C-alpha atoms as a PDB file:
ATOM      1  CA  MET A   1     -75.275  38.928  24.141  1.00  0.00           C
ATOM      2  CA  SER A   2     -73.308  41.482  26.134  1.00  0.00           C
ATOM      3  CA  HIS A   3     -70.114  43.438  25.536  1.00  0.00           C
ATOM      4  CA  ALA A   4     -68.369  41.073  27.972  1.00  0.00           C
ATOM      5  CA  ALA A   5     -68.815  38.281  25.403  1.00  0.00           C
ATOM      6  CA  HIS A   6     -66.200  39.865  23.142  1.00  0.00           C
ATOM      7  CA  PRO A   7     -62.867  39.766  24.993  1.00  0.00           C
ATOM      8  CA  THR A   8     -60.631  38.749  22.077  1.00  0.00           C
ATOM      9  CA  GLN A   9     -61.190  40.924  19.015  1.00  0.00           C
ATOM     10  CA  ASN A  10     -61.304  44.670  19.731  1.00  0.00           C
ATOM     11  CA  THR A  11     -60.679  45.878  16.175  1.00  0.00           C
ATOM     12  CA  THR A  12     -60.728  44.416  12.685  1.00  0.00           C
ATOM     13  CA  ALA A  13     -57.909  41.917  12.207  1.00  0.00           C
ATOM     14  CA  PRO A  14     -54.945  43.571  10.414  1.00  0.00           C
ATOM     15  CA  TRP A  15     -55.146  41.081   7.518  1.00  0.00           C
ATOM     16  CA  LYS A  16     -58.919  41.243   6.984  1.00  0.00           C
ATOM     17  CA  GLU A  17     -59.202  44.246   4.649  1.00  0.00           C
ATOM     18  CA  LEU A  18     -56.608  42.882   2.210  1.00  0.00           C
ATOM     19  CA  PHE A  19     -58.080  39.387   2.365  1.00  0.00           C
ATOM     20  CA  GLN A  20     -61.581  40.732   1.725  1.00  0.00           C
ATOM     21  CA  SER A  21     -60.408  42.755  -1.292  1.00  0.00           C
ATOM     22  CA  HIS A  22     -58.740  39.675  -2.783  1.00  0.00           C
ATOM     23  CA  ILE A  23     -61.754  37.440  -2.108  1.00  0.00           C
ATOM     24  CA  ASP A  24     -63.981  39.975  -3.853  1.00  0.00           C
ATOM     25  CA  LYS A  25     -61.811  39.543  -6.969  1.00  0.00           C
ATOM     26  CA  ALA A  26     -62.170  35.751  -6.679  1.00  0.00           C
ATOM     27  CA  GLY A  27     -65.954  35.767  -6.563  1.00  0.00           C
ATOM     28  CA  GLY A  28     -66.873  37.210  -3.170  1.00  0.00           C
ATOM     29  CA  ALA A  29     -69.520  35.067  -1.519  1.00  0.00           C
ATOM     30  CA  SER A  30     -69.057  32.401  -4.199  1.00  0.00           C
ATOM     31  CA  ALA A  31     -65.255  32.149  -4.103  1.00  0.00           C
ATOM     32  CA  GLU A  32     -63.833  28.625  -3.981  1.00  0.00           C
ATOM     33  CA  PHE A  33     -61.299  27.421  -1.437  1.00  0.00           C
ATOM     34  CA  VAL A  34     -59.757  24.142  -0.298  1.00  0.00           C
ATOM     35  CA  LEU A  35     -60.611  22.987   3.207  1.00  0.00           C
ATOM     36  CA  GLY A  36     -58.274  20.560   4.959  1.00  0.00           C
ATOM     37  CA  THR A  37     -59.268  18.425   7.940  1.00  0.00           C
ATOM     38  CA  VAL A  38     -57.651  15.524   9.775  1.00  0.00           C
ATOM     39  CA  THR A  39     -59.381  12.143  10.000  1.00  0.00           C
ATOM     40  CA  THR A  40     -59.496  10.053  13.170  1.00  0.00           C
ATOM     41  CA  ALA A  41     -56.759   7.898  11.585  1.00  0.00           C
ATOM     42  CA  GLY A  42     -54.530  10.983  11.356  1.00  0.00           C
ATOM     43  CA  LEU A  43     -54.818  11.243   7.567  1.00  0.00           C
ATOM     44  CA  PRO A  44     -55.328  14.508   5.658  1.00  0.00           C
ATOM     45  CA  SER A  45     -58.665  15.034   3.935  1.00  0.00           C
ATOM     46  CA  LEU A  46     -59.224  17.837   1.401  1.00  0.00           C
ATOM     47  CA  ARG A  47     -62.194  19.165  -0.529  1.00  0.00           C
ATOM     48  CA  TYR A  48     -63.329  22.338  -2.293  1.00  0.00           C
ATOM     49  CA  CYS A  49     -65.851  24.526  -0.497  1.00  0.00           C
ATOM     50  CA  ILE A  50     -67.581  27.821  -1.239  1.00  0.00           C
ATOM     51  CA  HIS A  51     -66.789  30.921   0.800  1.00  0.00           C
ATOM     52  CA  ARG A  52     -70.091  32.412   2.036  1.00  0.00           C
ATOM     53  CA  GLY A  53     -68.804  35.575   3.680  1.00  0.00           C
ATOM     54  CA  PHE A  54     -67.968  36.274   7.334  1.00  0.00           C
ATOM     55  CA  TRP A  55     -69.961  35.280  10.372  1.00  0.00           C
ATOM     56  CA  ALA A  56     -72.490  37.910  11.531  1.00  0.00           C
ATOM     57  CA  THR A  57     -72.090  40.010   8.354  1.00  0.00           C
ATOM     58  CA  LEU A  58     -74.023  37.971   5.812  1.00  0.00           C
ATOM     59  CA  PRO A  59     -73.661  39.320   2.237  1.00  0.00           C
ATOM     60  CA  GLU A  60     -76.689  40.956   0.649  1.00  0.00           C
ATOM     61  CA  ASN A  61     -78.712  38.695  -1.628  1.00  0.00           C
ATOM     62  CA  GLU A  62     -81.557  40.030  -3.769  1.00  0.00           C
ATOM     63  CA  HIS A  63     -83.430  36.734  -3.527  1.00  0.00           C
ATOM     64  CA  ASN A  64     -83.377  36.689   0.295  1.00  0.00           C
ATOM     65  CA  LYS A  65     -86.558  38.351   1.594  1.00  0.00           C
ATOM     66  CA  LEU A  66     -86.389  37.066   5.181  1.00  0.00           C
ATOM     67  CA  PRO A  67     -86.193  39.466   8.148  1.00  0.00           C
ATOM     68  CA  LYS A  68     -82.516  40.102   8.948  1.00  0.00           C
ATOM     69  CA  ASN A  69     -80.645  40.523  12.190  1.00  0.00           C
ATOM     70  CA  PRO A  70     -79.803  44.107  13.154  1.00  0.00           C
ATOM     71  CA  PRO A  71     -76.430  44.884  11.470  1.00  0.00           C
ATOM     72  CA  ILE A  72     -74.537  45.560  14.687  1.00  0.00           C
ATOM     73  CA  TYR A  73     -71.878  42.814  14.680  1.00  0.00           C
ATOM     74  CA  GLU A  74     -68.920  41.898  12.530  1.00  0.00           C
ATOM     75  CA  SER A  75     -66.184  39.266  12.728  1.00  0.00           C
ATOM     76  CA  ASP A  76     -63.083  37.980  10.936  1.00  0.00           C
ATOM     77  CA  CYS A  77     -64.453  34.427  10.704  1.00  0.00           C
ATOM     78  CA  PRO A  78     -64.932  32.941   7.204  1.00  0.00           C
ATOM     79  CA  THR A  79     -68.068  30.854   6.750  1.00  0.00           C
ATOM     80  CA  PHE A  80     -69.284  28.094   4.460  1.00  0.00           C
ATOM     81  CA  THR A  81     -72.291  25.778   4.509  1.00  0.00           C
ATOM     82  CA  THR A  82     -72.353  22.001   4.650  1.00  0.00           C
ATOM     83  CA  ASP A  83     -74.443  18.899   5.176  1.00  0.00           C
ATOM     84  CA  ALA A  84     -74.092  17.381   8.654  1.00  0.00           C
ATOM     85  CA  ARG A  85     -73.704  13.946   7.053  1.00  0.00           C
ATOM     86  CA  MET A  86     -70.505  14.917   5.215  1.00  0.00           C
ATOM     87  CA  SER A  87     -67.254  13.318   6.382  1.00  0.00           C
ATOM     88  CA  LYS A  88     -65.658  16.701   7.137  1.00  0.00           C
ATOM     89  CA  VAL A  89     -68.246  17.345   9.843  1.00  0.00           C
ATOM     90  CA  TYR A  90     -67.369  14.133  11.648  1.00  0.00           C
ATOM     91  CA  ASP A  91     -63.633  14.812  11.187  1.00  0.00           C
ATOM     92  CA  ILE A  92     -64.010  18.190  12.863  1.00  0.00           C
ATOM     93  CA  PHE A  93     -66.146  16.883  15.728  1.00  0.00           C
ATOM     94  CA  ALA A  94     -63.853  13.904  16.320  1.00  0.00           C
ATOM     95  CA  THR A  95     -60.609  15.925  16.355  1.00  0.00           C
ATOM     96  CA  GLY A  96     -61.892  18.698  18.624  1.00  0.00           C
ATOM     97  CA  LYS A  97     -61.300  18.807  22.364  1.00  0.00           C
ATOM     98  CA  GLY A  98     -64.631  17.087  22.934  1.00  0.00           C
ATOM     99  CA  LYS A  99     -63.694  14.116  20.670  1.00  0.00           C
ATOM    100  CA  GLY A 100     -67.267  13.975  19.386  1.00  0.00           C
ATOM    101  CA  THR A 101     -68.848  10.805  18.029  1.00  0.00           C
ATOM    102  CA  LEU A 102     -70.467  10.258  14.632  1.00  0.00           C
ATOM    103  CA  GLU A 103     -73.893  10.542  16.275  1.00  0.00           C
ATOM    104  CA  GLN A 104     -72.994  13.865  17.882  1.00  0.00           C
ATOM    105  CA  SER A 105     -71.629  15.260  14.635  1.00  0.00           C
ATOM    106  CA  ARG A 106     -74.997  14.658  12.962  1.00  0.00           C
ATOM    107  CA  SER A 107     -77.206  15.744  15.838  1.00  0.00           C
ATOM    108  CA  GLY A 108     -76.577  19.481  16.001  1.00  0.00           C
ATOM    109  CA  THR A 109     -74.316  22.381  16.951  1.00  0.00           C
ATOM    110  CA  GLY A 110     -70.677  21.780  17.963  1.00  0.00           C
ATOM    111  CA  GLY A 111     -67.303  20.881  16.468  1.00  0.00           C
ATOM    112  CA  GLY A 112     -64.019  22.589  17.292  1.00  0.00           C
ATOM    113  CA  GLY A 113     -61.495  20.482  15.387  1.00  0.00           C
ATOM    114  CA  PRO A 114     -58.518  22.011  13.553  1.00  0.00           C
ATOM    115  CA  VAL A 115     -58.855  23.061   9.908  1.00  0.00           C
ATOM    116  CA  GLU A 116     -56.875  24.852   7.242  1.00  0.00           C
ATOM    117  CA  ALA A 117     -58.497  26.833   4.440  1.00  0.00           C
ATOM    118  CA  VAL A 118     -56.455  27.727   1.344  1.00  0.00           C
ATOM    119  CA  TYR A 119     -57.553  30.331  -1.210  1.00  0.00           C
ATOM    120  CA  TRP A 120     -55.699  30.907  -4.488  1.00  0.00           C
ATOM    121  CA  VAL A 121     -56.604  34.281  -5.991  1.00  0.00           C
ATOM    122  CA  LYS A 122     -55.449  34.187  -9.595  1.00  0.00           C
ATOM    123  CA  ASP A 123     -56.100  37.875 -10.338  1.00  0.00           C
ATOM    124  CA  THR A 124     -53.801  39.031  -7.536  1.00  0.00           C
ATOM    125  CA  LYS A 125     -51.389  36.077  -7.678  1.00  0.00           C
ATOM    126  CA  THR A 126     -51.783  35.522  -3.956  1.00  0.00           C
ATOM    127  CA  GLN A 127     -52.344  32.441  -1.837  1.00  0.00           C
ATOM    128  CA  TRP A 128     -54.116  32.810   1.477  1.00  0.00           C
ATOM    129  CA  ARG A 129     -53.880  30.153   4.178  1.00  0.00           C
ATOM    130  CA  ILE A 130     -56.138  30.348   7.235  1.00  0.00           C
ATOM    131  CA  ARG A 131     -55.582  27.963  10.141  1.00  0.00           C
ATOM    132  CA  GLY A 132     -57.898  27.682  13.107  1.00  0.00           C
ATOM    133  CA  LYS A 133     -60.850  25.758  14.471  1.00  0.00           C
ATOM    134  CA  CYS A 134     -64.175  25.070  12.793  1.00  0.00           C
ATOM    135  CA  TRP A 135     -67.620  25.169  14.394  1.00  0.00           C
ATOM    136  CA  PHE A 136     -71.030  24.084  13.097  1.00  0.00           C
ATOM    137  CA  ILE A 137     -74.336  25.768  13.855  1.00  0.00           C
ATOM    138  CA  ALA A 138     -77.699  24.003  13.504  1.00  0.00           C
ATOM    139  CA  ALA A 139     -80.975  25.942  13.449  1.00  0.00           C
ATOM    140  CA  ASP A 140     -82.854  23.618  15.786  1.00  0.00           C
ATOM    141  CA  ASP A 141     -80.589  23.678  18.841  1.00  0.00           C
ATOM    142  CA  ILE A 142     -78.714  26.993  18.761  1.00  0.00           C
ATOM    143  CA  GLU A 143     -81.705  28.658  20.441  1.00  0.00           C
ATOM    144  CA  GLY A 144     -84.953  27.545  22.013  1.00  0.00           C
ATOM    145  CA  GLY A 145     -84.507  27.461  25.764  1.00  0.00           C
ATOM    146  CA  ASP A 146     -82.818  25.064  28.150  1.00  0.00           C
ATOM    147  CA  GLU A 147     -84.239  21.965  26.476  1.00  0.00           C
ATOM    148  CA  ALA A 148     -82.390  22.792  23.253  1.00  0.00           C
ATOM    149  CA  GLN A 149     -79.110  23.826  24.864  1.00  0.00           C
ATOM    150  CA  ASN A 150     -76.237  21.388  25.218  1.00  0.00           C
ATOM    151  CA  SER A 151     -72.482  21.536  25.669  1.00  0.00           C
ATOM    152  CA  GLY A 152     -72.084  22.052  21.919  1.00  0.00           C
ATOM    153  CA  THR A 153     -74.298  25.133  21.737  1.00  0.00           C
ATOM    154  CA  VAL A 154     -72.758  26.671  24.841  1.00  0.00           C
ATOM    155  CA  THR A 155     -69.221  26.137  23.537  1.00  0.00           C
ATOM    156  CA  VAL A 156     -69.970  27.432  20.043  1.00  0.00           C
ATOM    157  CA  LYS A 157     -71.615  30.602  21.338  1.00  0.00           C
ATOM    158  CA  ALA A 158     -68.685  31.226  23.668  1.00  0.00           C
ATOM    159  CA  GLU A 159     -66.012  30.578  21.014  1.00  0.00           C
ATOM    160  CA  LEU A 160     -67.690  32.609  18.269  1.00  0.00           C
ATOM    161  CA  GLY A 161     -68.617  35.317  20.760  1.00  0.00           C
ATOM    162  CA  ARG A 162     -64.900  35.894  21.331  1.00  0.00           C
ATOM    163  CA  TYR A 163     -64.537  36.869  17.669  1.00  0.00           C
ATOM    164  CA  MET A 164     -67.733  38.909  17.344  1.00  0.00           C
ATOM    165  CA  ARG A 165     -67.509  42.631  17.982  1.00  0.00           C
ATOM    166  CA  LEU A 166     -69.846  45.587  17.783  1.00  0.00           C
ATOM    167  CA  LYS A 167     -69.327  47.707  14.676  1.00  0.00           C
ATOM    168  CA  ASP A 168     -69.213  50.840  16.825  1.00  0.00           C
ATOM    169  CA  GLN A 169     -69.259  51.619  20.519  1.00  0.00           C
ATOM    170  CA  SER A 170     -72.763  53.104  20.643  1.00  0.00           C
ATOM    171  CA  ASP A 171     -75.317  51.680  23.042  1.00  0.00           C
ATOM    172  CA  HIS A 172     -76.757  48.744  21.103  1.00  0.00           C
ATOM    173  CA  SER A 173     -78.277  46.983  24.122  1.00  0.00           C
ATOM    174  CA  PRO A 174     -81.835  46.777  22.676  1.00  0.00           C
ATOM    175  CA  GLN A 175     -80.540  45.524  19.318  1.00  0.00           C
ATOM    176  CA  GLU A 176     -78.194  43.032  20.970  1.00  0.00           C
ATOM    177  CA  LYS A 177     -81.216  41.438  22.606  1.00  0.00           C
ATOM    178  CA  GLU A 178     -82.932  41.240  19.207  1.00  0.00           C
ATOM    179  CA  TRP A 179     -79.951  39.581  17.491  1.00  0.00           C
ATOM    180  CA  SER A 180     -80.749  35.890  16.904  1.00  0.00           C
ATOM    181  CA  TRP A 181     -78.353  33.029  16.159  1.00  0.00           C
ATOM    182  CA  LYS A 182     -81.197  31.012  14.640  1.00  0.00           C
ATOM    183  CA  ARG A 183     -82.217  33.901  12.374  1.00  0.00           C
ATOM    184  CA  GLU A 184     -78.625  34.149  11.154  1.00  0.00           C
ATOM    185  CA  VAL A 185     -78.626  30.432  10.269  1.00  0.00           C
ATOM    186  CA  GLU A 186     -81.959  30.744   8.451  1.00  0.00           C
ATOM    187  CA  ASN A 187     -80.644  33.683   6.424  1.00  0.00           C
ATOM    188  CA  ASN A 188     -77.521  31.734   5.479  1.00  0.00           C
ATOM    189  CA  PHE A 189     -79.807  29.039   4.060  1.00  0.00           C
ATOM    190  CA  GLU A 190     -81.944  31.639   2.279  1.00  0.00           C
ATOM    191  CA  ASN A 191     -78.857  33.096   0.580  1.00  0.00           C
ATOM    192  CA  LEU A 192     -78.405  29.814  -1.303  1.00  0.00           C
ATOM    193  CA  SER A 193     -80.170  29.064  -4.589  1.00  0.00           C
ATOM    194  CA  PRO A 194     -83.366  26.945  -4.324  1.00  0.00           C
ATOM    195  CA  GLN A 195     -81.547  24.005  -5.942  1.00  0.00           C
ATOM    196  CA  MET A 196     -78.598  24.309  -3.569  1.00  0.00           C
ATOM    197  CA  ARG A 197     -81.041  24.391  -0.644  1.00  0.00           C
ATOM    198  CA  GLY A 198     -82.634  21.253  -2.089  1.00  0.00           C
ATOM    199  CA  SER A 199     -79.290  19.416  -1.966  1.00  0.00           C
ATOM    200  CA  PHE A 200     -79.728  19.118   1.798  1.00  0.00           C
ATOM    201  CA  LYS A 201     -82.558  16.689   1.006  1.00  0.00           C
ATOM    202  CA  ASN A 202     -80.214  14.400  -0.957  1.00  0.00           C
ATOM    203  CA  PRO A 203     -79.675  10.782   0.101  1.00  0.00           C
ATOM    204  CA  PRO A 204     -76.785  10.424   2.623  1.00  0.00           C
ATOM    205  CA  PRO A 205     -73.463  11.422   1.002  1.00  0.00           C
ATOM    206  CA  GLY A 206     -71.210   8.395   0.492  1.00  0.00           C
ATOM    207  CA  GLN A 207     -73.943   5.830   1.131  1.00  0.00           C
ATOM    208  CA  PRO A 208     -73.849   2.955  -1.397  1.00  0.00           C
ATOM    209  CA  LEU A 209     -76.517   3.226  -4.083  1.00  0.00           C
ATOM    210  CA  SER A 210     -77.529  -0.342  -3.259  1.00  0.00           C
ATOM    211  CA  GLU A 211     -78.861   0.864   0.110  1.00  0.00           C
ATOM    212  CA  GLY A 212     -81.348   3.126  -1.633  1.00  0.00           C
ATOM    213  CA  LYS A 213     -82.799   6.291  -0.118  1.00  0.00           C
ATOM    214  CA  ASP A 214     -85.400   7.187   2.478  1.00  0.00           C
ATOM    215  CA  GLU A 215     -88.451   7.909   0.351  1.00  0.00           C
ATOM    216  CA  LYS A 216     -90.619   8.529   3.407  1.00  0.00           C
ATOM    217  CA  ALA A 217     -88.293  11.281   4.658  1.00  0.00           C
ATOM    218  CA  GLY A 218     -88.311  12.834   1.190  1.00  0.00           C
ATOM    219  CA  GLU A 219     -84.723  12.147   0.150  1.00  0.00           C
ATOM    220  CA  GLY A 220     -83.911  12.554  -3.549  1.00  0.00           C
ATOM    221  CA  LEU A 221     -81.546  14.243  -5.988  1.00  0.00           C
ATOM    222  CA  GLY A 222     -82.297  17.434  -7.903  1.00  0.00           C
ATOM    223  CA  GLN A 223     -84.896  18.826  -5.512  1.00  0.00           C
ATOM    224  CA  LYS A 224     -85.486  22.474  -4.671  1.00  0.00           C
ATOM    225  CA  ALA A 225     -86.223  23.841  -1.215  1.00  0.00           C
ATOM    226  CA  GLY A 226     -87.917  26.912   0.235  1.00  0.00           C
ATOM    227  CA  HIS A 227     -87.479  28.480   3.664  1.00  0.00           C
ATOM    228  CA  LEU A 228     -85.499  26.491   6.236  1.00  0.00           C
ATOM    229  CA  SER A 229     -88.407  26.723   8.704  1.00  0.00           C
ATOM    230  CA  ASP A 230     -90.611  24.849   6.202  1.00  0.00           C
ATOM    231  CA  GLU A 231     -88.082  22.148   5.292  1.00  0.00           C
ATOM    232  CA  PRO A 232     -87.692  19.601   8.135  1.00  0.00           C
ATOM    233  CA  LEU A 233     -85.338  17.287   6.230  1.00  0.00           C
ATOM    234  CA  ALA A 234     -83.084  20.081   4.970  1.00  0.00           C
ATOM    235  CA  ARG A 235     -83.152  21.717   8.409  1.00  0.00           C
ATOM    236  CA  LYS A 236     -81.997  18.467  10.007  1.00  0.00           C
ATOM    237  CA  ASN A 237     -78.965  18.304   7.691  1.00  0.00           C
ATOM    238  CA  PHE A 238     -78.081  21.976   7.091  1.00  0.00           C
ATOM    239  CA  ARG A 239     -75.153  23.534   8.973  1.00  0.00           C
ATOM    240  CA  VAL A 240     -73.439  26.892   8.879  1.00  0.00           C
ATOM    241  CA  ALA A 241     -69.710  26.288   9.347  1.00  0.00           C
ATOM    242  CA  VAL A 242     -67.574  29.038  10.888  1.00  0.00           C
ATOM    243  CA  ILE A 243     -63.770  29.110  11.015  1.00  0.00           C
ATOM    244  CA  THR A 244     -62.245  30.947  13.993  1.00  0.00           C
ATOM    245  CA  PRO A 245     -58.817  31.959  12.632  1.00  0.00           C
ATOM    246  CA  GLU A 246     -55.685  31.599  14.739  1.00  0.00           C
ATOM    247  CA  GLN A 247     -53.030  32.002  12.047  1.00  0.00           C
ATOM    248  CA  VAL A 248     -53.292  33.653   8.630  1.00  0.00           C
ATOM    249  CA  GLU A 249     -50.630  33.893   5.958  1.00  0.00           C
ATOM    250  CA  VAL A 250     -50.502  35.367   2.484  1.00  0.00           C
ATOM    251  CA  VAL A 251     -47.931  34.651  -0.231  1.00  0.00           C
ATOM    252  CA  ASP A 252     -47.738  37.382  -2.861  1.00  0.00           C
ATOM    253  CA  LEU A 253     -46.228  36.225  -6.176  1.00  0.00           C
ATOM    254  CA  THR A 254     -46.988  39.396  -8.151  1.00  0.00           C
ATOM    255  CA  ASP A 255     -43.304  40.216  -8.593  1.00  0.00           C
ATOM    256  CA  PRO A 256     -41.061  37.100  -8.909  1.00  0.00           C
ATOM    257  CA  GLU A 257     -38.032  39.143  -7.785  1.00  0.00           C
ATOM    258  CA  ASN A 258     -39.792  40.494  -4.709  1.00  0.00           C
ATOM    259  CA  SER A 259     -42.240  37.790  -3.669  1.00  0.00           C
ATOM    260  CA  THR A 260     -43.368  38.053  -0.055  1.00  0.00           C
ATOM    261  CA  ARG A 261     -44.915  35.944   2.673  1.00  0.00           C
ATOM    262  CA  GLN A 262     -46.608  37.553   5.671  1.00  0.00           C
ATOM    263  CA  ILE A 263     -47.841  35.561   8.659  1.00  0.00           C
ATOM    264  CA  TRP A 264     -50.246  36.888  11.298  1.00  0.00           C
ATOM    265  CA  THR A 265     -50.783  34.804  14.455  1.00  0.00           C
ATOM    266  CA  LEU A 266     -53.290  35.426  17.234  1.00  0.00           C
ATOM    267  CA  SER A 267     -51.403  36.262  20.417  1.00  0.00           C
ATOM    268  CA  GLY A 268     -51.157  33.823  23.315  1.00  0.00           C
ATOM    269  CA  GLU A 269     -52.819  36.375  25.608  1.00  0.00           C
ATOM    270  CA  LYS A 270     -55.904  36.221  23.388  1.00  0.00           C
ATOM    271  CA  GLY A 271     -56.040  32.441  23.171  1.00  0.00           C
ATOM    272  CA  GLY A 272     -53.880  32.015  20.062  1.00  0.00           C
ATOM    273  CA  PRO A 273     -50.625  30.122  19.424  1.00  0.00           C
ATOM    274  CA  ASP A 274     -48.389  33.275  19.318  1.00  0.00           C
ATOM    275  CA  GLY A 275     -46.552  32.127  16.158  1.00  0.00           C
ATOM    276  CA  PRO A 276     -42.958  32.501  14.901  1.00  0.00           C
ATOM    277  CA  GLN A 277     -40.692  35.123  16.442  1.00  0.00           C
ATOM    278  CA  PRO A 278     -39.476  37.821  16.293  1.00  0.00           C
ATOM    279  CA  SER A 279     -42.733  39.440  15.331  1.00  0.00           C
ATOM    280  CA  GLU A 280     -44.458  42.797  15.242  1.00  0.00           C
ATOM    281  CA  SER A 281     -47.448  43.219  17.552  1.00  0.00           C
ATOM    282  CA  LEU A 282     -50.569  44.500  15.770  1.00  0.00           C
ATOM    283  CA  GLY A 283     -53.320  44.574  18.371  1.00  0.00           C
ATOM    284  CA  GLU A 284     -54.326  40.982  19.107  1.00  0.00           C
ATOM    285  CA  TRP A 285     -52.162  39.682  16.244  1.00  0.00           C
ATOM    286  CA  ASN A 286     -48.406  39.147  15.858  1.00  0.00           C
ATOM    287  CA  LYS A 287     -46.991  39.640  12.345  1.00  0.00           C
ATOM    288  CA  ILE A 288     -43.771  38.408  10.768  1.00  0.00           C
ATOM    289  CA  ASP A 289     -42.424  38.755   7.211  1.00  0.00           C
ATOM    290  CA  THR A 290     -40.650  35.661   5.851  1.00  0.00           C
ATOM    291  CA  TRP A 291     -39.198  34.413   2.616  1.00  0.00           C
ATOM    292  CA  PRO A 292     -41.980  33.055   0.386  1.00  0.00           C
END
């Protein structure tokens, strides 16, 4: 990955530090949020997910003993993990520019459909709303040469690369070559508890009980799992999901007489929607204060 792969984000997003401090109060890498997607029928679909940190800056975990990527990148992209067989994965594939099929959504890396993530932080009486696109990364096709590459992997690397930036401007060329997308996925899996890892060996979510489960593949409830490289069934189903934010807003209800709403929108020049006007330009983001 070269410096040219990072044209969008030059500095930390102006909302990130405050958002991070609030998320830390809500549980950090175990904070809950509501993720909204749109079905192919145009209907809203909501579910609770677990915030797992930000892409390329995986939180420390005392139980994770795997080799890590060199800590040279950071981003403003919230992450969560999911099973490729979940309905939200298909929703996001099917509503992206590629209009992916059910088969594609379960086969590997890709996505790109619109999402909205909402976090309520009780301790700070703030609601955060993050709108953008969502991308899924699978361990088996994100790297591995031309035979593993497809339009999904190329697009995901390009889109996430726009949001990834070097932590400083030193010459990190050798370390950039060492940084591995697959290693990052494997470490995301390792940061989960053994029982949570085992959930990726469950029978297909939403499948009628009358259809049973694939005993030969090893499907079953309540299992535990080890390393992703040693778990073919879990590896087939496990995805790291990354939200590339385009608009972020926070409603602060700390003081009922002075409640505030701030909205940051990625500028049109950087591939964003620009947002409501008039606004204040803060680097790649435009900010406006509104009534709550």
